[in-house]
């Protein structure tokens, strides 16, 4: 049986991604221009109306908010792809042996994500995270906030940055160790690299379980500093995880149809489809669990989170769109066996799910940062396109840098003959 051909990152593809990137820049500039000129009166009204809460809106806050959304979204997709890879080794799975170079390539975004996270936080921390203002901790200042002051042992910039840096370093070091052993396996074969990857993967799974939750507290929960949820770690993980699975599925399908992974059969595609379907339901379970707990307890400090989203004319449509894209659509569309086995269905479902979970992160971040000054327009689409084209460039370049099929993987034969 043919093992396909290695992926070549052709000049034409690079040009297409460059055009996509330039289009995103253009949309972002147009969006910023429209906000500045079309909503100038809105900025003035927001400033006057918010005197009591000491909040003044500027157009660049919407820009920073979108940068942060995309940072967190694509970081999660990348690190969750590495998580997918490590699960395959820990579970000693054979069905996925032929496609593991795809999540490896997606993990190559991590160093770029790290730089972007540091840059955006360094420039925009006051505009995104209310708790970074020093006056909140000064008891002599009229803006003093006792609740936030009570969290300063955890929510302070040095400790926050230390956690962020530590997470990325650990993720990337473990990722590089896996890549190194995977490359050795291609050259030398044998079970030694595979056994080492099993050990490294077991460590990564444990590390990811802890760090993904803490990252959710830091990067999402701390935006709404007065709000709290015991479910947020699981909730952010579920959104990251489904998005990563959908992205892996799309890339595998694209490579298969391009002749690069033509040995990937319908059973492997079916398993990927089952993952996307199952964890879309899992995300809904977590979403409903968080919503039900807050609804039933009816504690003002908790319910305000949903009031800001459901009662708002700006965010309410996205609140319901989020549920449609991430639960109702995948649940109904991917319910049948055929829809999970055939690429034509997954090529429709996965992009909608990916966009749906981008909306999910939009809802997690924007209301807390911008209050009623949020919106969704050219700027949001433009920045998403910029990040998507950049992410694809890094992933495709990584795919072309090594053999696409791990020819010496001890379980590759199982993947070739996988049948469900």
Protein backbone atom coordinates (compact mmCIF):
# COMPACT_ATOMS: atom_id res chain seq x y z
CA UNK A 1 0.00 0.00 0.00
CA UNK A 2 1.23 3.48 -0.88
CA UNK A 3 1.97 5.77 2.04
CA UNK A 4 1.22 8.85 0.00
CA UNK A 5 3.72 11.60 -0.58
CA UNK A 6 5.38 14.17 1.66
CA UNK A 7 3.75 17.56 1.83
CA UNK A 8 5.37 20.34 -0.21
CA UNK A 9 4.61 23.90 0.84
CA UNK A 10 4.27 25.31 -2.64
CA UNK A 11 4.83 28.92 -3.63
CA UNK A 12 1.24 29.20 -4.81
CA UNK A 13 -0.05 28.24 -1.37
CA UNK A 14 2.27 30.78 0.24
CA UNK A 15 0.94 33.48 -2.09
CA UNK A 16 -2.64 32.55 -1.23
CA UNK A 17 -1.90 32.81 2.48
CA UNK A 18 -0.15 36.15 1.92
CA UNK A 19 -3.22 37.45 0.09
CA UNK A 20 -5.40 36.19 2.93
CA UNK A 21 -3.12 37.92 5.45
CA UNK A 22 -3.20 41.20 3.50
CA UNK A 23 -6.99 40.96 3.24
CA UNK A 24 -7.17 40.60 7.01
CA UNK A 25 -4.98 43.66 7.51
CA UNK A 26 -7.17 45.65 5.12
CA UNK A 27 -10.38 44.56 6.85
CA UNK A 28 -8.88 45.48 10.22
CA UNK A 29 -7.91 48.96 9.02
CA UNK A 30 -11.35 49.51 7.47
CA UNK A 31 -12.98 48.30 10.68
CA UNK A 32 -10.88 50.64 12.82
CA UNK A 33 -11.67 53.55 10.49
CA UNK A 34 -15.39 52.82 10.75
CA UNK A 35 -15.28 52.62 14.53
CA UNK A 36 -13.34 55.88 14.85
CA UNK A 37 -15.48 57.84 12.39
CA UNK A 38 -18.81 56.08 12.49
CA UNK A 39 -19.02 55.60 16.23
CA UNK A 40 -17.32 58.77 17.41
CA UNK A 41 -20.48 59.95 19.09
CA UNK A 42 -20.75 56.55 20.78
CA UNK A 43 -17.31 56.98 22.33
CA UNK A 44 -18.30 60.34 23.78
CA UNK A 45 -21.59 59.05 25.17
CA UNK A 46 -19.84 56.02 26.68
CA UNK A 47 -17.34 58.26 28.42
CA UNK A 48 -20.07 60.43 29.95
CA UNK A 49 -22.36 57.54 30.85
CA UNK A 50 -19.56 55.61 32.50
CA UNK A 51 -18.29 58.25 34.89
CA UNK A 52 -19.75 56.39 37.82
CA UNK A 53 -17.85 53.23 36.91
CA UNK A 54 -14.69 55.06 35.83
CA UNK A 55 -14.81 53.51 32.37
CA UNK A 56 -14.00 55.37 29.20
CA UNK A 57 -14.13 53.70 25.81
CA UNK A 58 -11.52 54.18 23.09
CA UNK A 59 -11.50 52.43 19.71
CA UNK A 60 -8.14 50.76 20.31
CA UNK A 61 -9.60 48.86 23.26
CA UNK A 62 -11.72 46.92 20.79
CA UNK A 63 -8.56 46.24 18.78
CA UNK A 64 -6.72 44.97 21.87
CA UNK A 65 -9.71 42.87 22.90
CA UNK A 66 -9.71 41.11 19.53
CA UNK A 67 -5.97 40.51 19.69
CA UNK A 68 -6.43 38.82 23.04
CA UNK A 69 -9.36 36.70 21.81
CA UNK A 70 -7.30 35.40 18.89
CA UNK A 71 -4.21 34.88 21.04
CA UNK A 72 -6.10 32.69 23.48
CA UNK A 73 -8.08 30.91 20.76
CA UNK A 74 -5.14 29.89 18.58
CA UNK A 75 -2.88 29.16 21.55
CA UNK A 76 -5.53 26.76 22.79
CA UNK A 77 -5.86 25.07 19.41
CA UNK A 78 -2.08 24.60 19.23
CA UNK A 79 -1.48 23.27 22.73
CA UNK A 80 -4.59 21.08 22.56
CA UNK A 81 -3.24 19.54 19.35
CA UNK A 82 -0.15 18.55 21.32
CA UNK A 83 -2.51 17.17 23.97
CA UNK A 84 -4.23 15.10 21.28
CA UNK A 85 -0.83 13.80 20.18
CA UNK A 86 0.19 12.83 23.70
CA UNK A 87 -3.11 11.08 24.36
CA UNK A 88 -2.45 8.84 21.36
CA UNK A 89 0.87 7.73 22.86
CA UNK A 90 -0.44 7.35 26.41
CA UNK A 91 -3.38 5.29 25.17
CA UNK A 92 -1.03 3.36 22.84
CA UNK A 93 -3.53 4.06 20.07
CA UNK A 94 -2.86 2.61 16.65
CA UNK A 95 -5.69 4.08 14.59
CA UNK A 96 -4.12 7.57 14.60
CA UNK A 97 -0.51 6.57 13.83
CA UNK A 98 -0.73 7.75 10.23
CA UNK A 99 -1.85 11.27 11.04
CA UNK A 100 0.23 12.24 14.07
CA UNK A 101 2.40 14.63 12.05
CA UNK A 102 -0.63 16.93 11.77
CA UNK A 103 -0.91 17.71 15.51
CA UNK A 104 2.89 17.90 15.63
CA UNK A 105 2.76 20.63 12.98
CA UNK A 106 0.00 22.47 14.86
CA UNK A 107 2.15 22.51 17.98
CA UNK A 108 4.77 24.54 16.11
CA UNK A 109 2.60 27.64 16.68
CA UNK A 110 3.47 27.65 20.41
CA UNK A 111 6.59 29.90 20.31
CA UNK A 112 4.75 32.46 18.15
CA UNK A 113 1.77 32.29 20.49
CA UNK A 114 4.09 32.94 23.43
CA UNK A 115 5.58 36.05 21.84
CA UNK A 116 2.16 37.39 20.87
CA UNK A 117 0.73 36.78 24.34
CA UNK A 118 3.60 38.65 25.97
CA UNK A 119 3.42 41.54 23.50
CA UNK A 120 -0.33 42.04 23.76
CA UNK A 121 -0.33 41.79 27.54
CA UNK A 122 2.64 44.16 27.78
CA UNK A 123 0.94 46.79 25.60
CA UNK A 124 -2.71 46.35 26.52
CA UNK A 125 -2.85 44.96 30.04
CA UNK A 126 -4.67 48.01 31.47
CA UNK A 127 -7.19 47.97 28.62
CA UNK A 128 -8.00 44.27 28.95
CA UNK A 129 -7.50 43.44 32.62
CA UNK A 130 -9.07 45.82 35.11
CA UNK A 131 -7.11 44.30 38.00
CA UNK A 132 -3.80 45.66 36.61
CA UNK A 133 -4.62 49.24 37.73
CA UNK A 134 -2.61 50.12 40.83
CA UNK A 135 -5.22 52.49 42.23
CA UNK A 136 -7.52 49.53 42.93
CA UNK A 137 -5.20 48.47 45.76
CA UNK A 138 -4.76 51.89 47.36
CA UNK A 139 -7.16 52.22 50.30
CA UNK A 140 -6.79 56.00 50.16
CA UNK A 141 -7.97 56.19 46.55
CA UNK A 142 -11.71 56.60 45.91
CA UNK A 143 -11.41 53.89 43.24
CA UNK A 144 -10.18 51.33 45.76
CA UNK A 145 -11.76 47.88 45.26
CA UNK A 146 -11.79 45.62 48.30
CA UNK A 147 -12.72 42.51 46.30
CA UNK A 148 -9.86 42.89 43.84
CA UNK A 149 -7.47 43.88 46.62
CA UNK A 150 -8.32 40.59 48.30
CA UNK A 151 -7.05 38.74 45.23
CA UNK A 152 -3.77 40.61 44.84
CA UNK A 153 -1.67 37.73 46.17
CA UNK A 154 -2.65 35.85 43.01
CA UNK A 155 -3.61 38.65 40.61
CA UNK A 156 -0.47 40.73 40.34
CA UNK A 157 1.55 41.35 37.20
CA UNK A 158 4.86 39.67 38.22
CA UNK A 159 3.15 36.46 39.37
CA UNK A 160 0.79 36.52 36.38
CA UNK A 161 3.64 36.83 33.87
CA UNK A 162 5.65 34.19 35.73
CA UNK A 163 2.81 31.72 35.32
CA UNK A 164 2.37 32.55 31.65
CA UNK A 165 6.08 32.20 30.90
CA UNK A 166 6.33 28.96 32.90
CA UNK A 167 3.36 27.38 31.10
CA UNK A 168 4.71 28.14 27.65
CA UNK A 169 8.23 26.99 28.53
CA UNK A 170 6.98 23.66 29.90
CA UNK A 171 4.60 23.10 26.99
CA UNK A 172 7.24 23.89 24.41
CA UNK A 173 10.05 21.90 26.02
CA UNK A 174 7.89 18.78 26.25
CA UNK A 175 6.68 19.37 22.69
CA UNK A 176 10.27 19.65 21.42
CA UNK A 177 11.20 16.44 23.23
CA UNK A 178 8.37 14.60 21.48
CA UNK A 179 9.34 16.04 18.09
CA UNK A 180 12.98 15.04 18.65
CA UNK A 181 12.04 11.44 19.42
CA UNK A 182 9.61 11.35 16.50
CA UNK A 183 12.39 12.44 14.14
CA UNK A 184 14.73 9.82 15.64
CA UNK A 185 12.09 7.19 15.03
CA UNK A 186 12.05 8.09 11.33
CA UNK A 187 15.80 7.60 11.07
CA UNK A 188 16.52 4.71 13.39
CA UNK A 189 13.22 2.91 13.83
CA UNK A 190 12.77 0.50 16.72
CA UNK A 191 10.64 0.85 19.83
CA UNK A 192 13.00 3.02 21.89
CA UNK A 193 11.79 6.41 20.55
CA UNK A 194 8.17 5.28 20.86
CA UNK A 195 8.67 4.27 24.50
CA UNK A 196 10.33 7.60 25.27
CA UNK A 197 7.44 9.43 23.62
CA UNK A 198 5.06 7.42 25.80
CA UNK A 199 6.85 8.66 28.94
CA UNK A 200 7.06 12.28 27.78
CA UNK A 201 3.41 12.19 26.74
CA UNK A 202 2.32 10.92 30.15
CA UNK A 203 4.08 13.89 31.74
CA UNK A 204 2.51 16.32 29.28
CA UNK A 205 -1.02 15.01 29.93
CA UNK A 206 -0.64 15.64 33.66
CA UNK A 207 0.96 19.06 33.12
CA UNK A 208 -1.71 20.07 30.62
CA UNK A 209 -4.49 19.05 33.02
CA UNK A 210 -3.21 21.56 35.58
CA UNK A 211 -1.87 24.36 33.39
CA UNK A 212 -4.87 24.55 31.05
CA UNK A 213 -7.17 25.24 34.01
CA UNK A 214 -4.87 27.85 35.53
CA UNK A 215 -4.43 29.47 32.10
CA UNK A 216 -8.23 29.68 31.85
CA UNK A 217 -8.36 31.49 35.21
CA UNK A 218 -5.60 33.87 34.16
CA UNK A 219 -6.44 34.59 30.54
CA UNK A 220 -10.25 34.48 30.67
CA UNK A 221 -11.70 34.48 34.19
CA UNK A 222 -9.57 37.37 35.48
CA UNK A 223 -11.05 39.69 32.85
CA UNK A 224 -14.31 39.69 34.83
CA UNK A 225 -12.44 40.11 38.10
CA UNK A 226 -15.50 40.17 40.38
CA UNK A 227 -17.05 37.11 38.74
CA UNK A 228 -16.09 33.55 39.54
CA UNK A 229 -16.98 30.09 38.26
CA UNK A 230 -15.77 26.69 39.40
CA UNK A 231 -16.44 25.38 35.88
CA UNK A 232 -14.36 27.84 33.86
CA UNK A 233 -11.27 25.63 33.61
CA UNK A 234 -13.27 22.75 32.16
CA UNK A 235 -15.28 25.12 29.98
CA UNK A 236 -12.25 26.73 28.31
CA UNK A 237 -10.61 23.33 27.89
CA UNK A 238 -13.75 21.96 26.19
CA UNK A 239 -13.82 24.86 23.72
CA UNK A 240 -10.09 24.57 22.98
CA UNK A 241 -10.33 20.81 22.63
CA UNK A 242 -13.24 20.74 20.17
CA UNK A 243 -11.64 23.50 18.10
CA UNK A 244 -8.36 21.58 17.93
CA UNK A 245 -10.13 18.35 16.93
CA UNK A 246 -12.04 20.18 14.18
CA UNK A 247 -8.81 21.76 12.89
CA UNK A 248 -6.96 18.43 12.89
CA UNK A 249 -9.85 16.84 11.00
CA UNK A 250 -9.90 19.57 8.35
CA UNK A 251 -6.13 19.37 7.75
CA UNK A 252 -6.21 15.56 7.52
CA UNK A 253 -9.06 15.74 5.00
CA UNK A 254 -7.25 18.40 2.95
CA UNK A 255 -4.06 16.32 2.88
CA UNK A 256 -5.97 13.16 1.99
CA UNK A 257 -7.74 14.85 -0.91
CA UNK A 258 -4.43 16.31 -2.08
CA UNK A 259 -2.93 12.82 -2.26
CA UNK A 260 -0.59 13.29 0.71
CA UNK A 261 -2.48 11.05 3.14
CA UNK A 262 -4.40 8.98 0.62
CA UNK A 263 -3.99 5.83 2.75
CA UNK A 264 -6.17 7.36 5.50
CA UNK A 265 -9.39 5.36 5.21
CA UNK A 266 -13.01 6.16 6.07
CA UNK A 267 -12.68 4.45 9.45
CA UNK A 268 -9.96 6.87 10.56
CA UNK A 269 -12.04 9.79 9.29
CA UNK A 270 -14.98 8.28 11.14
CA UNK A 271 -13.04 8.26 14.40
CA UNK A 272 -12.09 11.91 13.94
CA UNK A 273 -15.74 12.71 13.23
CA UNK A 274 -16.79 10.85 16.37
CA UNK A 275 -14.32 12.88 18.40
CA UNK A 276 -15.72 16.14 17.02
CA UNK A 277 -19.32 15.01 17.59
CA UNK A 278 -18.74 13.62 21.09
CA UNK A 279 -16.82 16.57 22.42
CA UNK A 280 -19.32 19.04 20.95
CA UNK A 281 -21.82 17.32 23.24
CA UNK A 282 -19.26 17.42 26.06
CA UNK A 283 -18.82 21.18 25.57
CA UNK A 284 -22.60 21.58 25.80
CA UNK A 285 -22.66 19.55 29.01
CA UNK A 286 -20.07 21.84 30.56
CA UNK A 287 -21.85 24.95 29.23
CA UNK A 288 -25.18 23.82 30.67
CA UNK A 289 -23.61 22.75 33.98
CA UNK A 290 -22.07 26.20 34.47
CA UNK A 291 -25.26 27.98 33.41
CA UNK A 292 -27.53 25.80 35.57
CA UNK A 293 -25.41 26.20 38.71
CA UNK A 294 -25.38 29.98 38.35
CA UNK A 295 -29.07 30.16 37.41
CA UNK A 296 -30.15 27.98 40.34
CA UNK A 297 -27.97 29.68 42.98
CA UNK A 298 -29.00 33.13 41.69
CA UNK A 299 -26.07 34.89 43.36
CA UNK A 300 -25.73 38.45 41.95
CA UNK A 301 -21.92 38.21 41.68
CA UNK A 302 -22.39 35.19 39.39
CA UNK A 303 -25.56 35.99 37.44
CA UNK A 304 -24.16 39.33 36.21
CA UNK A 305 -21.99 37.36 33.77
CA UNK A 306 -25.05 36.06 31.91
CA UNK A 307 -27.10 39.23 32.36
CA UNK A 308 -24.40 41.18 30.48
CA UNK A 309 -24.61 38.70 27.60
CA UNK A 310 -28.28 37.70 27.40
CA UNK A 311 -29.85 41.09 28.11
CA UNK A 312 -27.53 43.01 25.80
CA UNK A 313 -28.67 43.94 22.31
CA UNK A 314 -25.05 43.61 21.19
CA UNK A 315 -24.17 40.22 22.67
CA UNK A 316 -27.50 38.37 22.86
CA UNK A 317 -27.49 37.32 19.16
CA UNK A 318 -24.00 35.85 19.59
CA UNK A 319 -25.06 34.13 22.81
CA UNK A 320 -27.67 32.13 20.89
CA UNK A 321 -25.47 31.76 17.80
CA UNK A 322 -22.88 30.18 20.07
CA UNK A 323 -25.33 27.46 21.10
CA UNK A 324 -26.51 26.89 17.53
CA UNK A 325 -23.01 26.53 16.05
CA UNK A 326 -21.50 24.54 18.88
CA UNK A 327 -24.33 22.24 19.93
CA UNK A 328 -27.52 22.14 17.88
CA UNK A 329 -25.81 22.12 14.49
CA UNK A 330 -23.04 19.53 15.18
CA UNK A 331 -25.42 17.37 17.24
CA UNK A 332 -28.02 17.13 14.47
CA UNK A 333 -25.66 17.28 11.48
CA UNK A 334 -23.13 14.72 12.73
CA UNK A 335 -25.54 12.35 14.43
CA UNK A 336 -25.63 9.77 11.65
CA UNK A 337 -22.82 7.33 10.94
CA UNK A 338 -22.50 8.46 7.32
CA UNK A 339 -21.97 12.11 8.25
CA UNK A 340 -18.95 11.20 10.37
CA UNK A 341 -17.42 8.88 7.76
CA UNK A 342 -17.58 11.04 4.65
CA UNK A 343 -15.41 14.08 4.17
CA UNK A 344 -18.06 16.16 2.41
CA UNK A 345 -20.05 16.38 5.66
CA UNK A 346 -17.04 17.09 7.88
CA UNK A 347 -15.84 19.82 5.49
CA UNK A 348 -19.10 21.62 6.27
CA UNK A 349 -19.31 20.84 9.98
CA UNK A 350 -15.73 21.59 11.08
CA UNK A 351 -15.48 25.20 9.78
CA UNK A 352 -18.83 26.03 11.38
CA UNK A 353 -17.69 24.52 14.67
CA UNK A 354 -14.39 26.42 14.50
CA UNK A 355 -16.21 29.70 13.89
CA UNK A 356 -18.68 28.82 16.63
CA UNK A 357 -15.94 28.38 19.19
CA UNK A 358 -14.31 31.62 18.08
CA UNK A 359 -17.66 33.22 18.93
CA UNK A 360 -17.49 31.39 22.25
CA UNK A 361 -14.19 33.09 23.09
CA UNK A 362 -15.55 36.38 21.77
CA UNK A 363 -18.35 36.09 24.34
CA UNK A 364 -15.94 35.16 27.11
CA UNK A 365 -13.73 38.19 26.52
CA UNK A 366 -15.52 41.10 24.86
CA UNK A 367 -18.32 41.94 27.33
CA UNK A 368 -15.86 42.00 30.22
CA UNK A 369 -13.42 44.24 28.35
CA UNK A 370 -15.70 46.55 26.38
CA UNK A 371 -19.02 46.42 28.27
CA UNK A 372 -21.70 47.85 25.96
CA UNK A 373 -19.11 49.25 23.55
CA UNK A 374 -18.50 45.92 21.87
CA UNK A 375 -19.49 44.93 18.38
CA UNK A 376 -18.76 42.52 15.58
CA UNK A 377 -17.66 43.84 12.23
CA UNK A 378 -14.77 44.22 9.83
CA UNK A 379 -12.22 44.53 12.63
CA UNK A 380 -13.22 41.24 14.23
CA UNK A 381 -13.23 39.40 10.91
CA UNK A 382 -9.98 41.04 9.80
CA UNK A 383 -7.98 40.15 12.89
CA UNK A 384 -9.32 36.59 12.80
CA UNK A 385 -8.20 36.28 9.15
CA UNK A 386 -4.74 37.66 10.02
CA UNK A 387 -4.28 35.09 12.78
CA UNK A 388 -5.74 32.25 10.73
CA UNK A 389 -3.45 32.89 7.76
CA UNK A 390 -0.43 33.19 10.07
CA UNK A 391 -1.35 30.01 11.91
CA UNK A 392 -1.81 28.10 8.65
CA UNK A 393 1.52 29.37 7.33
CA UNK A 394 3.38 28.11 10.40
CA UNK A 395 1.55 24.76 10.40
CA UNK A 396 2.02 24.09 6.69
CA UNK A 397 5.68 25.07 6.86
CA UNK A 398 6.14 22.62 9.71
CA UNK A 399 4.32 19.88 7.78
CA UNK A 400 6.72 20.31 4.87
CA UNK A 401 9.82 20.21 7.09
CA UNK A 402 9.68 16.45 7.86
CA UNK A 403 8.23 13.23 6.51
CA UNK A 404 4.46 13.40 6.57
CA UNK A 405 4.07 9.74 7.49
CA UNK A 406 5.98 8.24 10.45
CA UNK A 407 7.13 5.21 8.46
CA UNK A 408 8.78 3.52 11.46
CA UNK A 409 5.93 4.02 13.93
CA UNK A 410 5.38 0.59 15.53
CA UNK A 411 1.60 0.88 15.14
CA UNK A 412 1.45 2.29 11.64
CA UNK A 413 0.25 -1.03 10.22
CA UNK A 414 -2.75 -0.92 12.54
CA UNK A 415 -3.62 2.52 11.25
CA UNK A 416 -3.41 1.34 7.63
CA UNK A 417 -5.89 -1.46 8.28
CA UNK A 418 -8.10 0.31 10.82
CA UNK A 419 -11.73 -0.69 10.35
CA UNK A 420 -14.77 0.30 12.41
